[in-house]
N, C-alpha and C. Protein backbone atom coordinates (compact mmCIF):
# COMPACT_ATOMS: atom_id res chain seq x y z
N MET A 1 79.63 107.88 -191.11
CA MET A 1 80.42 109.11 -191.02
C MET A 1 81.20 109.12 -189.70
N HIS A 2 82.48 109.50 -189.78
CA HIS A 2 83.33 109.50 -188.59
C HIS A 2 82.90 110.63 -187.65
N VAL A 3 82.78 110.31 -186.36
CA VAL A 3 82.41 111.30 -185.35
C VAL A 3 83.67 111.72 -184.59
N TYR A 4 83.93 113.01 -184.55
CA TYR A 4 85.12 113.53 -183.89
C TYR A 4 84.80 114.00 -182.48
N HIS A 5 85.78 113.90 -181.59
CA HIS A 5 85.66 114.45 -180.25
C HIS A 5 85.70 115.98 -180.31
N ASP A 6 85.29 116.61 -179.23
CA ASP A 6 85.40 118.08 -179.14
C ASP A 6 86.87 118.51 -179.07
N LEU A 7 87.69 117.70 -178.41
CA LEU A 7 89.13 117.89 -178.41
C LEU A 7 89.74 116.73 -179.18
N ARG A 8 90.59 117.02 -180.14
CA ARG A 8 91.05 115.98 -181.05
C ARG A 8 92.56 115.73 -180.92
N ILE A 9 92.91 114.45 -180.83
CA ILE A 9 94.30 114.03 -180.82
C ILE A 9 94.58 113.36 -182.16
N THR A 10 95.58 113.89 -182.88
CA THR A 10 95.90 113.38 -184.22
C THR A 10 97.37 112.97 -184.24
N PRO A 11 97.69 111.75 -183.86
CA PRO A 11 99.09 111.32 -183.80
C PRO A 11 99.78 111.35 -185.17
N SER A 12 100.99 111.87 -185.17
CA SER A 12 101.79 111.91 -186.39
C SER A 12 102.60 110.64 -186.52
N ILE A 13 102.47 109.98 -187.67
CA ILE A 13 103.23 108.74 -187.89
C ILE A 13 104.64 109.01 -188.40
N LEU A 14 105.03 110.29 -188.44
CA LEU A 14 106.40 110.63 -188.82
C LEU A 14 107.40 109.93 -187.89
N ASN A 15 107.01 109.79 -186.63
CA ASN A 15 107.89 109.19 -185.62
C ASN A 15 107.61 107.71 -185.39
N ALA A 16 106.71 107.14 -186.16
CA ALA A 16 106.39 105.71 -186.02
C ALA A 16 107.42 104.87 -186.76
N ASP A 17 107.35 103.57 -186.58
CA ASP A 17 108.22 102.63 -187.29
C ASP A 17 107.69 102.49 -188.72
N HIS A 18 108.38 103.07 -189.68
CA HIS A 18 107.90 103.10 -191.06
C HIS A 18 107.95 101.72 -191.73
N THR A 19 108.68 100.79 -191.14
CA THR A 19 108.73 99.44 -191.71
C THR A 19 107.53 98.60 -191.29
N ASN A 20 106.76 99.12 -190.35
CA ASN A 20 105.61 98.35 -189.84
C ASN A 20 104.45 99.30 -189.56
N LEU A 21 104.13 100.15 -190.54
CA LEU A 21 103.16 101.22 -190.31
C LEU A 21 101.76 100.72 -189.96
N SER A 22 101.32 99.66 -190.59
CA SER A 22 99.97 99.16 -190.33
C SER A 22 99.80 98.82 -188.86
N ALA A 23 100.79 98.14 -188.30
CA ALA A 23 100.74 97.76 -186.88
C ALA A 23 100.84 98.99 -185.99
N GLU A 24 101.67 99.95 -186.38
CA GLU A 24 101.82 101.18 -185.59
C GLU A 24 100.51 101.96 -185.56
N ILE A 25 99.85 102.07 -186.71
CA ILE A 25 98.57 102.78 -186.77
C ILE A 25 97.50 102.04 -185.99
N ALA A 26 97.50 100.70 -186.09
CA ALA A 26 96.50 99.89 -185.38
C ALA A 26 96.58 100.10 -183.88
N LYS A 27 97.77 100.35 -183.35
CA LYS A 27 97.94 100.55 -181.91
C LYS A 27 97.15 101.74 -181.40
N ILE A 28 97.04 102.77 -182.23
CA ILE A 28 96.50 104.05 -181.75
C ILE A 28 95.16 104.43 -182.38
N ALA A 29 94.72 103.67 -183.39
CA ALA A 29 93.55 104.08 -184.17
C ALA A 29 92.28 104.21 -183.34
N VAL A 30 92.08 103.30 -182.41
CA VAL A 30 90.83 103.30 -181.62
C VAL A 30 90.71 104.57 -180.78
N ASP A 31 91.84 105.06 -180.28
CA ASP A 31 91.81 106.18 -179.35
C ASP A 31 92.07 107.53 -180.00
N SER A 32 92.38 107.55 -181.30
CA SER A 32 92.73 108.79 -181.99
C SER A 32 91.58 109.27 -182.87
N ASP A 33 91.61 110.56 -183.20
CA ASP A 33 90.57 111.13 -184.06
C ASP A 33 90.93 111.04 -185.53
N LEU A 34 92.18 111.33 -185.83
CA LEU A 34 92.71 111.18 -187.19
C LEU A 34 94.16 110.74 -187.06
N ILE A 35 94.70 110.22 -188.15
CA ILE A 35 96.13 109.93 -188.24
C ILE A 35 96.77 111.07 -189.04
N HIS A 36 97.76 111.72 -188.45
CA HIS A 36 98.42 112.86 -189.08
C HIS A 36 99.53 112.36 -189.99
N LEU A 37 99.43 112.69 -191.26
CA LEU A 37 100.38 112.23 -192.28
C LEU A 37 101.16 113.43 -192.81
N ASP A 38 102.44 113.50 -192.43
CA ASP A 38 103.30 114.61 -192.85
C ASP A 38 103.93 114.30 -194.20
N ILE A 39 103.61 115.11 -195.18
CA ILE A 39 104.15 114.94 -196.53
C ILE A 39 105.14 116.07 -196.81
N MET A 40 106.41 115.70 -197.04
CA MET A 40 107.47 116.68 -197.30
C MET A 40 108.18 116.30 -198.60
N ASP A 41 108.58 117.34 -199.35
CA ASP A 41 109.14 117.10 -200.69
C ASP A 41 110.62 117.47 -200.83
N ASN A 42 111.26 117.85 -199.72
CA ASN A 42 112.67 118.27 -199.72
C ASN A 42 112.87 119.55 -200.52
N LEU A 43 111.79 120.28 -200.76
CA LEU A 43 111.86 121.56 -201.46
C LEU A 43 111.27 122.66 -200.59
N PHE A 44 110.01 122.50 -200.20
CA PHE A 44 109.38 123.47 -199.30
C PHE A 44 110.02 123.41 -197.91
N VAL A 45 110.39 122.20 -197.49
CA VAL A 45 111.12 121.99 -196.24
C VAL A 45 112.32 121.08 -196.55
N PRO A 46 113.39 121.15 -195.74
CA PRO A 46 114.59 120.37 -196.03
C PRO A 46 114.52 118.93 -195.54
N ASN A 47 113.48 118.22 -195.95
CA ASN A 47 113.30 116.82 -195.56
C ASN A 47 112.30 116.22 -196.54
N ALA A 48 112.36 114.91 -196.70
CA ALA A 48 111.41 114.22 -197.58
C ALA A 48 110.82 113.04 -196.83
N THR A 49 109.52 112.81 -197.03
CA THR A 49 108.86 111.66 -196.39
C THR A 49 108.26 110.79 -197.48
N TRP A 50 106.96 110.57 -197.45
CA TRP A 50 106.31 109.69 -198.40
C TRP A 50 105.98 110.41 -199.71
N ASP A 51 106.11 109.70 -200.83
CA ASP A 51 105.61 110.26 -202.08
C ASP A 51 104.11 109.94 -202.17
N PHE A 52 103.46 110.41 -203.23
CA PHE A 52 102.01 110.26 -203.30
C PHE A 52 101.59 108.80 -203.37
N ALA A 53 102.33 107.98 -204.11
CA ALA A 53 101.96 106.56 -204.23
C ALA A 53 101.95 105.88 -202.87
N ALA A 54 102.96 106.16 -202.05
CA ALA A 54 103.03 105.57 -200.70
C ALA A 54 101.93 106.14 -199.82
N ALA A 55 101.71 107.44 -199.92
CA ALA A 55 100.67 108.09 -199.11
C ALA A 55 99.29 107.56 -199.45
N GLU A 56 99.04 107.34 -200.74
CA GLU A 56 97.75 106.83 -201.20
C GLU A 56 97.44 105.48 -200.56
N LYS A 57 98.46 104.63 -200.42
CA LYS A 57 98.27 103.32 -199.77
C LYS A 57 97.96 103.48 -198.30
N ILE A 58 98.66 104.41 -197.64
CA ILE A 58 98.40 104.65 -196.22
C ILE A 58 96.96 105.11 -196.02
N ILE A 59 96.52 106.05 -196.86
CA ILE A 59 95.15 106.57 -196.75
C ILE A 59 94.13 105.47 -196.99
N ALA A 60 94.38 104.64 -198.00
CA ALA A 60 93.44 103.57 -198.36
C ALA A 60 93.31 102.53 -197.26
N ASN A 61 94.41 102.28 -196.54
CA ASN A 61 94.41 101.21 -195.54
C ASN A 61 94.18 101.69 -194.12
N CYS A 62 94.11 103.00 -193.92
CA CYS A 62 93.97 103.53 -192.56
C CYS A 62 92.54 103.33 -192.05
N PRO A 63 92.37 102.78 -190.84
CA PRO A 63 91.02 102.51 -190.32
C PRO A 63 90.26 103.75 -189.86
N ILE A 64 90.96 104.88 -189.72
CA ILE A 64 90.30 106.15 -189.36
C ILE A 64 90.76 107.21 -190.36
N PRO A 65 90.10 108.37 -190.38
CA PRO A 65 90.47 109.39 -191.38
C PRO A 65 91.92 109.85 -191.24
N VAL A 66 92.50 110.19 -192.38
CA VAL A 66 93.87 110.69 -192.44
C VAL A 66 93.84 112.21 -192.55
N ASP A 67 94.71 112.83 -191.76
CA ASP A 67 94.90 114.27 -191.72
C ASP A 67 96.20 114.55 -192.47
N ALA A 68 96.11 114.88 -193.77
CA ALA A 68 97.30 115.05 -194.60
C ALA A 68 97.81 116.48 -194.51
N HIS A 69 99.03 116.63 -194.01
CA HIS A 69 99.67 117.92 -193.83
C HIS A 69 100.74 118.05 -194.91
N LEU A 70 100.47 118.89 -195.91
CA LEU A 70 101.32 118.97 -197.10
C LEU A 70 102.34 120.09 -196.98
N MET A 71 103.58 119.71 -196.71
CA MET A 71 104.69 120.66 -196.64
C MET A 71 105.47 120.53 -197.95
N ILE A 72 104.83 121.02 -199.03
CA ILE A 72 105.35 120.79 -200.38
C ILE A 72 105.13 122.01 -201.26
N ASN A 73 105.95 122.10 -202.32
CA ASN A 73 105.69 123.06 -203.38
C ASN A 73 104.59 122.49 -204.28
N ASP A 74 104.10 123.32 -205.18
CA ASP A 74 103.04 122.90 -206.12
C ASP A 74 101.83 122.33 -205.38
N VAL A 75 101.56 122.92 -204.22
CA VAL A 75 100.53 122.35 -203.34
C VAL A 75 99.12 122.52 -203.91
N ASP A 76 98.89 123.56 -204.71
CA ASP A 76 97.55 123.77 -205.25
C ASP A 76 97.10 122.60 -206.12
N ARG A 77 98.03 122.02 -206.85
CA ARG A 77 97.70 120.88 -207.70
C ARG A 77 97.67 119.57 -206.90
N ILE A 78 98.71 119.37 -206.10
CA ILE A 78 98.87 118.08 -205.43
C ILE A 78 97.84 117.88 -204.31
N ALA A 79 97.42 118.95 -203.67
CA ALA A 79 96.44 118.82 -202.57
C ALA A 79 95.17 118.11 -203.03
N LEU A 80 94.76 118.39 -204.26
CA LEU A 80 93.52 117.80 -204.76
C LEU A 80 93.66 116.29 -204.93
N ASP A 81 94.88 115.84 -205.25
CA ASP A 81 95.12 114.40 -205.36
C ASP A 81 94.87 113.71 -204.02
N TYR A 82 95.27 114.35 -202.94
CA TYR A 82 95.07 113.77 -201.60
C TYR A 82 93.59 113.73 -201.24
N ALA A 83 92.86 114.75 -201.64
CA ALA A 83 91.41 114.75 -201.40
C ALA A 83 90.74 113.63 -202.20
N HIS A 84 91.12 113.50 -203.45
CA HIS A 84 90.57 112.43 -204.29
C HIS A 84 90.95 111.04 -203.76
N ALA A 85 92.11 110.94 -203.12
CA ALA A 85 92.56 109.66 -202.57
C ALA A 85 91.79 109.27 -201.31
N GLY A 86 91.04 110.22 -200.75
CA GLY A 86 90.20 109.90 -199.60
C GLY A 86 90.67 110.43 -198.27
N ALA A 87 91.65 111.32 -198.26
CA ALA A 87 92.07 111.92 -196.98
C ALA A 87 90.90 112.67 -196.36
N GLY A 88 90.71 112.48 -195.06
CA GLY A 88 89.60 113.15 -194.38
C GLY A 88 89.81 114.65 -194.26
N SER A 89 91.07 115.04 -194.15
CA SER A 89 91.45 116.45 -194.01
C SER A 89 92.73 116.68 -194.80
N VAL A 90 92.79 117.76 -195.54
CA VAL A 90 93.99 118.11 -196.31
C VAL A 90 94.37 119.55 -195.96
N THR A 91 95.60 119.71 -195.47
CA THR A 91 96.08 121.03 -195.04
C THR A 91 97.18 121.51 -195.95
N ILE A 92 97.00 122.72 -196.47
CA ILE A 92 98.02 123.33 -197.34
C ILE A 92 98.73 124.45 -196.58
N HIS A 93 100.01 124.63 -196.85
CA HIS A 93 100.74 125.76 -196.28
C HIS A 93 100.46 126.99 -197.11
N ILE A 94 100.02 128.04 -196.44
CA ILE A 94 99.68 129.26 -197.16
C ILE A 94 100.90 129.84 -197.86
N GLU A 95 102.10 129.56 -197.33
CA GLU A 95 103.33 130.10 -197.92
C GLU A 95 103.65 129.46 -199.27
N ALA A 96 103.09 128.28 -199.51
CA ALA A 96 103.36 127.57 -200.77
C ALA A 96 102.23 127.71 -201.78
N ALA A 97 101.08 128.17 -201.33
CA ALA A 97 99.89 128.22 -202.20
C ALA A 97 99.91 129.44 -203.11
N GLN A 98 99.60 129.23 -204.38
CA GLN A 98 99.49 130.32 -205.34
C GLN A 98 98.04 130.77 -205.51
N THR A 99 97.12 129.81 -205.39
CA THR A 99 95.68 130.11 -205.53
C THR A 99 94.94 129.52 -204.33
N PRO A 100 95.21 130.03 -203.13
CA PRO A 100 94.67 129.38 -201.93
C PRO A 100 93.15 129.31 -201.86
N THR A 101 92.48 130.37 -202.25
CA THR A 101 91.02 130.37 -202.16
C THR A 101 90.43 129.25 -203.02
N GLN A 102 90.89 129.16 -204.26
CA GLN A 102 90.36 128.14 -205.16
C GLN A 102 90.72 126.74 -204.68
N THR A 103 91.95 126.58 -204.19
CA THR A 103 92.39 125.27 -203.72
C THR A 103 91.56 124.81 -202.52
N LEU A 104 91.36 125.70 -201.57
CA LEU A 104 90.57 125.35 -200.38
C LEU A 104 89.13 125.01 -200.76
N ARG A 105 88.57 125.78 -201.67
CA ARG A 105 87.20 125.50 -202.11
C ARG A 105 87.12 124.15 -202.83
N ASN A 106 88.12 123.85 -203.64
CA ASN A 106 88.13 122.58 -204.36
C ASN A 106 88.27 121.39 -203.40
N LEU A 107 89.07 121.55 -202.37
CA LEU A 107 89.21 120.47 -201.38
C LEU A 107 87.85 120.15 -200.76
N ARG A 108 87.13 121.18 -200.39
CA ARG A 108 85.80 120.97 -199.79
C ARG A 108 84.84 120.35 -200.81
N LYS A 109 84.94 120.81 -202.05
CA LYS A 109 84.05 120.30 -203.10
C LYS A 109 84.26 118.79 -203.31
N ILE A 110 85.50 118.37 -203.22
CA ILE A 110 85.82 116.95 -203.38
C ILE A 110 85.33 116.14 -202.18
N GLY A 111 85.28 116.78 -201.01
CA GLY A 111 84.76 116.09 -199.83
C GLY A 111 85.69 116.03 -198.64
N ALA A 112 86.85 116.67 -198.75
CA ALA A 112 87.80 116.70 -197.63
C ALA A 112 87.57 117.95 -196.79
N ARG A 113 87.97 117.89 -195.53
CA ARG A 113 88.05 119.09 -194.73
C ARG A 113 89.26 119.88 -195.24
N ALA A 114 89.12 121.20 -195.32
CA ALA A 114 90.18 122.05 -195.86
C ALA A 114 90.92 122.73 -194.72
N GLY A 115 92.25 122.57 -194.71
CA GLY A 115 93.07 123.17 -193.68
C GLY A 115 94.08 124.16 -194.25
N MET A 116 94.40 125.19 -193.46
CA MET A 116 95.41 126.17 -193.82
C MET A 116 96.47 126.19 -192.73
N ALA A 117 97.73 125.99 -193.11
CA ALA A 117 98.82 125.96 -192.15
C ALA A 117 99.67 127.21 -192.24
N LEU A 118 100.16 127.66 -191.07
CA LEU A 118 101.03 128.82 -190.98
C LEU A 118 102.34 128.44 -190.32
N LYS A 119 103.46 128.75 -190.97
CA LYS A 119 104.77 128.56 -190.34
C LYS A 119 104.91 129.56 -189.17
N PRO A 120 105.87 129.33 -188.28
CA PRO A 120 106.02 130.24 -187.13
C PRO A 120 106.19 131.71 -187.51
N GLY A 121 106.83 131.99 -188.62
CA GLY A 121 107.05 133.39 -189.00
C GLY A 121 105.91 134.02 -189.76
N THR A 122 104.84 133.28 -190.01
CA THR A 122 103.69 133.78 -190.80
C THR A 122 102.58 134.23 -189.86
N ASP A 123 102.11 135.47 -190.03
CA ASP A 123 101.06 135.97 -189.14
C ASP A 123 99.68 135.55 -189.66
N ILE A 124 98.73 135.51 -188.76
CA ILE A 124 97.36 135.12 -189.13
C ILE A 124 96.58 136.30 -189.70
N GLU A 125 96.89 137.50 -189.26
CA GLU A 125 96.09 138.66 -189.67
C GLU A 125 96.08 138.84 -191.19
N SER A 126 97.19 138.54 -191.85
CA SER A 126 97.27 138.72 -193.30
C SER A 126 96.35 137.77 -194.07
N TYR A 127 95.90 136.70 -193.39
CA TYR A 127 95.10 135.68 -194.08
C TYR A 127 93.72 135.50 -193.45
N ALA A 128 93.30 136.50 -192.68
CA ALA A 128 91.99 136.42 -192.01
C ALA A 128 90.86 136.30 -193.02
N ASP A 129 91.07 136.83 -194.25
CA ASP A 129 90.00 136.76 -195.25
C ASP A 129 89.79 135.35 -195.78
N LEU A 130 90.68 134.43 -195.44
CA LEU A 130 90.53 133.04 -195.89
C LEU A 130 89.81 132.16 -194.86
N LEU A 131 89.50 132.71 -193.71
CA LEU A 131 88.91 131.88 -192.65
C LEU A 131 87.58 131.26 -193.05
N ASP A 132 86.82 131.94 -193.88
CA ASP A 132 85.54 131.38 -194.32
C ASP A 132 85.72 130.21 -195.28
N GLU A 133 86.94 130.00 -195.77
CA GLU A 133 87.21 128.93 -196.73
C GLU A 133 87.77 127.66 -196.07
N ILE A 134 87.99 127.69 -194.75
CA ILE A 134 88.68 126.57 -194.11
C ILE A 134 87.85 125.91 -193.01
N ASP A 135 88.23 124.67 -192.74
CA ASP A 135 87.65 123.90 -191.63
C ASP A 135 88.63 123.76 -190.48
N MET A 136 89.92 124.01 -190.78
CA MET A 136 90.95 123.90 -189.74
C MET A 136 92.09 124.87 -190.02
N LEU A 137 92.58 125.49 -188.96
CA LEU A 137 93.77 126.34 -189.03
C LEU A 137 94.87 125.63 -188.25
N LEU A 138 95.99 125.38 -188.93
CA LEU A 138 97.13 124.73 -188.30
C LEU A 138 98.21 125.76 -188.02
N ILE A 139 98.51 125.92 -186.74
CA ILE A 139 99.57 126.83 -186.31
C ILE A 139 100.77 125.99 -185.92
N MET A 140 101.84 126.12 -186.69
CA MET A 140 103.04 125.35 -186.41
C MET A 140 103.72 125.87 -185.15
N THR A 141 104.05 124.94 -184.25
CA THR A 141 104.74 125.31 -183.02
C THR A 141 106.20 124.83 -183.04
N VAL A 142 106.65 124.48 -184.25
CA VAL A 142 108.07 124.28 -184.58
C VAL A 142 108.24 124.71 -186.03
N GLU A 143 109.47 124.85 -186.47
CA GLU A 143 109.70 125.06 -187.90
C GLU A 143 109.43 123.73 -188.60
N PRO A 144 108.58 123.71 -189.63
CA PRO A 144 108.24 122.44 -190.27
C PRO A 144 109.44 121.78 -190.93
N GLY A 145 109.45 120.45 -190.88
CA GLY A 145 110.51 119.70 -191.55
C GLY A 145 110.98 118.47 -190.79
N PHE A 146 111.01 118.55 -189.46
CA PHE A 146 111.52 117.43 -188.68
C PHE A 146 110.70 117.23 -187.41
N GLY A 147 110.55 115.97 -186.99
CA GLY A 147 109.90 115.66 -185.73
C GLY A 147 110.87 115.84 -184.57
N GLY A 148 110.32 115.87 -183.35
CA GLY A 148 111.16 115.88 -182.16
C GLY A 148 111.69 117.24 -181.76
N GLN A 149 111.20 118.33 -182.37
CA GLN A 149 111.69 119.66 -182.03
C GLN A 149 111.01 120.21 -180.77
N LYS A 150 111.62 121.25 -180.22
CA LYS A 150 111.11 121.87 -179.00
C LYS A 150 109.91 122.77 -179.31
N PHE A 151 108.90 122.66 -178.50
CA PHE A 151 107.66 123.43 -178.62
C PHE A 151 107.94 124.92 -178.47
N MET A 152 107.41 125.72 -179.40
CA MET A 152 107.61 127.18 -179.38
C MET A 152 106.42 127.83 -178.66
N ALA A 153 106.59 128.07 -177.37
CA ALA A 153 105.50 128.63 -176.56
C ALA A 153 105.11 130.03 -177.02
N ASP A 154 106.02 130.73 -177.70
CA ASP A 154 105.69 132.08 -178.15
C ASP A 154 104.65 132.08 -179.28
N MET A 155 104.35 130.91 -179.83
CA MET A 155 103.30 130.81 -180.84
C MET A 155 101.89 130.87 -180.24
N MET A 156 101.81 130.80 -178.90
CA MET A 156 100.49 130.81 -178.26
C MET A 156 99.78 132.14 -178.44
N ASP A 157 100.54 133.21 -178.64
CA ASP A 157 99.91 134.50 -178.93
C ASP A 157 99.17 134.43 -180.26
N LYS A 158 99.76 133.72 -181.23
CA LYS A 158 99.10 133.54 -182.53
C LYS A 158 97.84 132.69 -182.38
N VAL A 159 97.90 131.68 -181.52
CA VAL A 159 96.71 130.86 -181.26
C VAL A 159 95.60 131.73 -180.68
N ARG A 160 95.94 132.57 -179.71
CA ARG A 160 94.93 133.43 -179.08
C ARG A 160 94.34 134.42 -180.09
N LYS A 161 95.19 135.01 -180.91
CA LYS A 161 94.69 135.95 -181.94
C LYS A 161 93.77 135.23 -182.93
N SER A 162 94.15 134.01 -183.28
CA SER A 162 93.35 133.23 -184.23
C SER A 162 91.98 132.91 -183.65
N LYS A 163 91.97 132.57 -182.39
CA LYS A 163 90.70 132.25 -181.70
C LYS A 163 89.74 133.44 -181.80
N VAL A 164 90.27 134.64 -181.59
CA VAL A 164 89.45 135.85 -181.66
C VAL A 164 88.96 136.08 -183.09
N LEU A 165 89.86 135.95 -184.06
CA LEU A 165 89.49 136.18 -185.46
C LEU A 165 88.46 135.16 -185.96
N ILE A 166 88.58 133.93 -185.50
CA ILE A 166 87.66 132.87 -185.91
C ILE A 166 86.26 133.12 -185.37
N GLY A 167 86.19 133.63 -184.16
CA GLY A 167 84.89 133.93 -183.57
C GLY A 167 84.04 132.68 -183.43
N ASP A 168 82.81 132.71 -183.95
CA ASP A 168 81.91 131.56 -183.79
C ASP A 168 81.93 130.62 -184.99
N ARG A 169 82.89 130.80 -185.89
CA ARG A 169 83.02 129.85 -187.01
C ARG A 169 83.44 128.48 -186.47
N PRO A 170 82.93 127.39 -187.04
CA PRO A 170 83.27 126.04 -186.54
C PRO A 170 84.61 125.55 -187.09
N ILE A 171 85.66 126.31 -186.82
CA ILE A 171 86.99 126.00 -187.35
C ILE A 171 87.85 125.40 -186.23
N TRP A 172 88.45 124.25 -186.51
CA TRP A 172 89.39 123.66 -185.55
C TRP A 172 90.68 124.47 -185.55
N ILE A 173 91.30 124.61 -184.38
CA ILE A 173 92.62 125.21 -184.27
C ILE A 173 93.59 124.10 -183.87
N GLN A 174 94.48 123.77 -184.80
CA GLN A 174 95.42 122.67 -184.57
C GLN A 174 96.81 123.23 -184.30
N VAL A 175 97.53 122.59 -183.38
CA VAL A 175 98.94 122.91 -183.15
C VAL A 175 99.75 121.66 -183.45
N ASP A 176 100.94 121.89 -184.02
CA ASP A 176 101.79 120.79 -184.47
C ASP A 176 103.24 121.14 -184.18
N GLY A 177 103.87 120.30 -183.33
CA GLY A 177 105.28 120.49 -183.03
C GLY A 177 105.55 120.54 -181.55
N GLY A 178 106.23 119.52 -181.04
CA GLY A 178 106.62 119.52 -179.64
C GLY A 178 105.47 119.33 -178.66
N VAL A 179 104.35 118.78 -179.12
CA VAL A 179 103.20 118.58 -178.23
C VAL A 179 103.48 117.38 -177.31
N SER A 180 103.34 117.61 -176.01
CA SER A 180 103.60 116.58 -175.00
C SER A 180 102.62 116.77 -173.85
N MET A 181 102.74 115.96 -172.82
CA MET A 181 101.87 116.10 -171.65
C MET A 181 102.01 117.48 -171.02
N GLU A 182 103.18 118.08 -171.12
CA GLU A 182 103.40 119.41 -170.54
C GLU A 182 102.86 120.51 -171.45
N THR A 183 103.19 120.42 -172.72
CA THR A 183 102.87 121.54 -173.62
C THR A 183 101.42 121.53 -174.10
N ILE A 184 100.77 120.39 -174.08
CA ILE A 184 99.38 120.35 -174.55
C ILE A 184 98.50 121.24 -173.69
N ALA A 185 98.84 121.34 -172.41
CA ALA A 185 98.07 122.20 -171.50
C ALA A 185 98.24 123.68 -171.88
N ILE A 186 99.45 124.06 -172.25
CA ILE A 186 99.73 125.44 -172.67
C ILE A 186 98.92 125.77 -173.93
N ALA A 187 98.92 124.84 -174.88
CA ALA A 187 98.22 125.06 -176.15
C ALA A 187 96.71 125.09 -175.94
N ARG A 188 96.22 124.23 -175.10
CA ARG A 188 94.77 124.19 -174.82
C ARG A 188 94.30 125.48 -174.17
N GLU A 189 95.06 125.95 -173.21
CA GLU A 189 94.69 127.20 -172.51
C GLU A 189 94.67 128.38 -173.47
N ALA A 190 95.52 128.34 -174.50
CA ALA A 190 95.56 129.43 -175.48
C ALA A 190 94.40 129.37 -176.46
N GLY A 191 93.74 128.20 -176.58
CA GLY A 191 92.58 128.09 -177.44
C GLY A 191 92.64 126.99 -178.48
N ALA A 192 93.74 126.23 -178.54
CA ALA A 192 93.82 125.12 -179.49
C ALA A 192 92.88 123.99 -179.06
N ASP A 193 92.37 123.24 -180.04
CA ASP A 193 91.47 122.13 -179.72
C ASP A 193 91.82 120.85 -180.48
N THR A 194 92.86 120.92 -181.31
CA THR A 194 93.28 119.78 -182.13
C THR A 194 94.80 119.70 -182.05
N PHE A 195 95.31 118.52 -181.67
CA PHE A 195 96.72 118.43 -181.29
C PHE A 195 97.43 117.31 -182.04
N VAL A 196 98.52 117.68 -182.72
CA VAL A 196 99.37 116.70 -183.38
C VAL A 196 100.47 116.29 -182.39
N ALA A 197 100.60 115.01 -182.14
CA ALA A 197 101.65 114.51 -181.26
C ALA A 197 102.35 113.35 -181.94
N GLY A 198 103.65 113.46 -182.11
CA GLY A 198 104.42 112.41 -182.77
C GLY A 198 105.35 111.70 -181.82
N SER A 199 106.43 112.38 -181.46
CA SER A 199 107.42 111.78 -180.55
C SER A 199 106.80 111.36 -179.23
N ALA A 200 105.91 112.22 -178.68
CA ALA A 200 105.31 111.91 -177.39
C ALA A 200 104.54 110.60 -177.42
N VAL A 201 103.90 110.32 -178.55
CA VAL A 201 103.11 109.09 -178.67
C VAL A 201 103.99 107.88 -178.98
N PHE A 202 104.77 107.99 -180.04
CA PHE A 202 105.48 106.80 -180.52
C PHE A 202 106.78 106.50 -179.77
N ASN A 203 107.27 107.44 -178.98
CA ASN A 203 108.43 107.16 -178.14
C ASN A 203 108.04 106.68 -176.75
N SER A 204 106.73 106.59 -176.51
CA SER A 204 106.26 106.12 -175.20
C SER A 204 106.12 104.59 -175.23
N PRO A 205 106.20 103.95 -174.07
CA PRO A 205 106.08 102.49 -174.02
C PRO A 205 104.73 101.97 -174.50
N ASP A 206 103.67 102.80 -174.31
CA ASP A 206 102.32 102.40 -174.69
C ASP A 206 101.67 103.55 -175.46
N PRO A 207 101.82 103.60 -176.79
CA PRO A 207 101.31 104.72 -177.58
C PRO A 207 99.81 104.96 -177.39
N ALA A 208 99.01 103.90 -177.32
CA ALA A 208 97.56 104.07 -177.16
C ALA A 208 97.24 104.75 -175.83
N GLU A 209 97.93 104.33 -174.79
CA GLU A 209 97.71 104.93 -173.46
C GLU A 209 98.14 106.40 -173.48
N MET A 210 99.21 106.71 -174.18
CA MET A 210 99.65 108.11 -174.26
C MET A 210 98.61 108.98 -174.96
N VAL A 211 97.97 108.46 -176.01
CA VAL A 211 96.90 109.22 -176.68
C VAL A 211 95.79 109.52 -175.67
N LYS A 212 95.41 108.52 -174.89
CA LYS A 212 94.37 108.73 -173.87
C LYS A 212 94.80 109.77 -172.83
N MET A 213 96.05 109.69 -172.42
CA MET A 213 96.57 110.62 -171.41
C MET A 213 96.62 112.05 -171.93
N LEU A 214 97.01 112.21 -173.19
CA LEU A 214 97.03 113.54 -173.78
C LEU A 214 95.63 114.13 -173.86
N ARG A 215 94.66 113.30 -174.27
CA ARG A 215 93.28 113.78 -174.35
C ARG A 215 92.77 114.18 -172.96
N HIS A 216 93.07 113.35 -172.00
CA HIS A 216 92.62 113.62 -170.63
C HIS A 216 93.25 114.91 -170.10
N ARG A 217 94.53 115.10 -170.39
CA ARG A 217 95.24 116.30 -169.93
C ARG A 217 94.61 117.55 -170.54
N ALA A 218 94.32 117.50 -171.84
CA ALA A 218 93.71 118.66 -172.50
C ALA A 218 92.28 118.89 -172.02
N SER A 219 91.58 117.81 -171.72
CA SER A 219 90.17 117.91 -171.31
C SER A 219 90.02 118.44 -169.90
N ASP A 220 91.08 118.34 -169.12
CA ASP A 220 91.02 118.79 -167.72
C ASP A 220 90.98 120.31 -167.60
N LEU A 221 91.30 120.99 -168.67
CA LEU A 221 91.48 122.45 -168.58
C LEU A 221 90.20 123.20 -168.91
């Protein structure tokens, strides 16, 4: 069974070299907790990434658990496919889910960690009743759809509110979007403990070293 750190770095391969993904993942796998896989369908967000067949291969060949972030319509049905494919964590956007409670329960039943994602304009208070159904809450710190966007520091209030609502539940709080050596400290201070970093990792000269540096920066606080 995979053992996770108390603070988790989950590099997004959205910004990696897609023509050589195995090598890109190998660079960072030893130092990362999960590999963040952004799935977009050009419907829920205005961008498209991997289809399920391609994603299934990535999950099967990844040396550490995959954190599948589904920015797609019809997520209640498709999310279960990712759990069956072996993703360690599957996150659904609450804005796309029609039957969120059942979907989250089914993800756990299959054996995946169940995640709920909120776009910047979506408040946490409206979905507090779902906290008992999840293992991770993903608070987007950019509008979902593209890598390399600027970190939205005003989302830290949502992180703080979520921390209070979660209380002593063992739920990870993940932030995704614009995470860097500077912004990871802001997110950590607000209460986040799981960090998606794409551009910061794969645009650096040494991606593995950057993962270590990000973890160290967050751990210092």
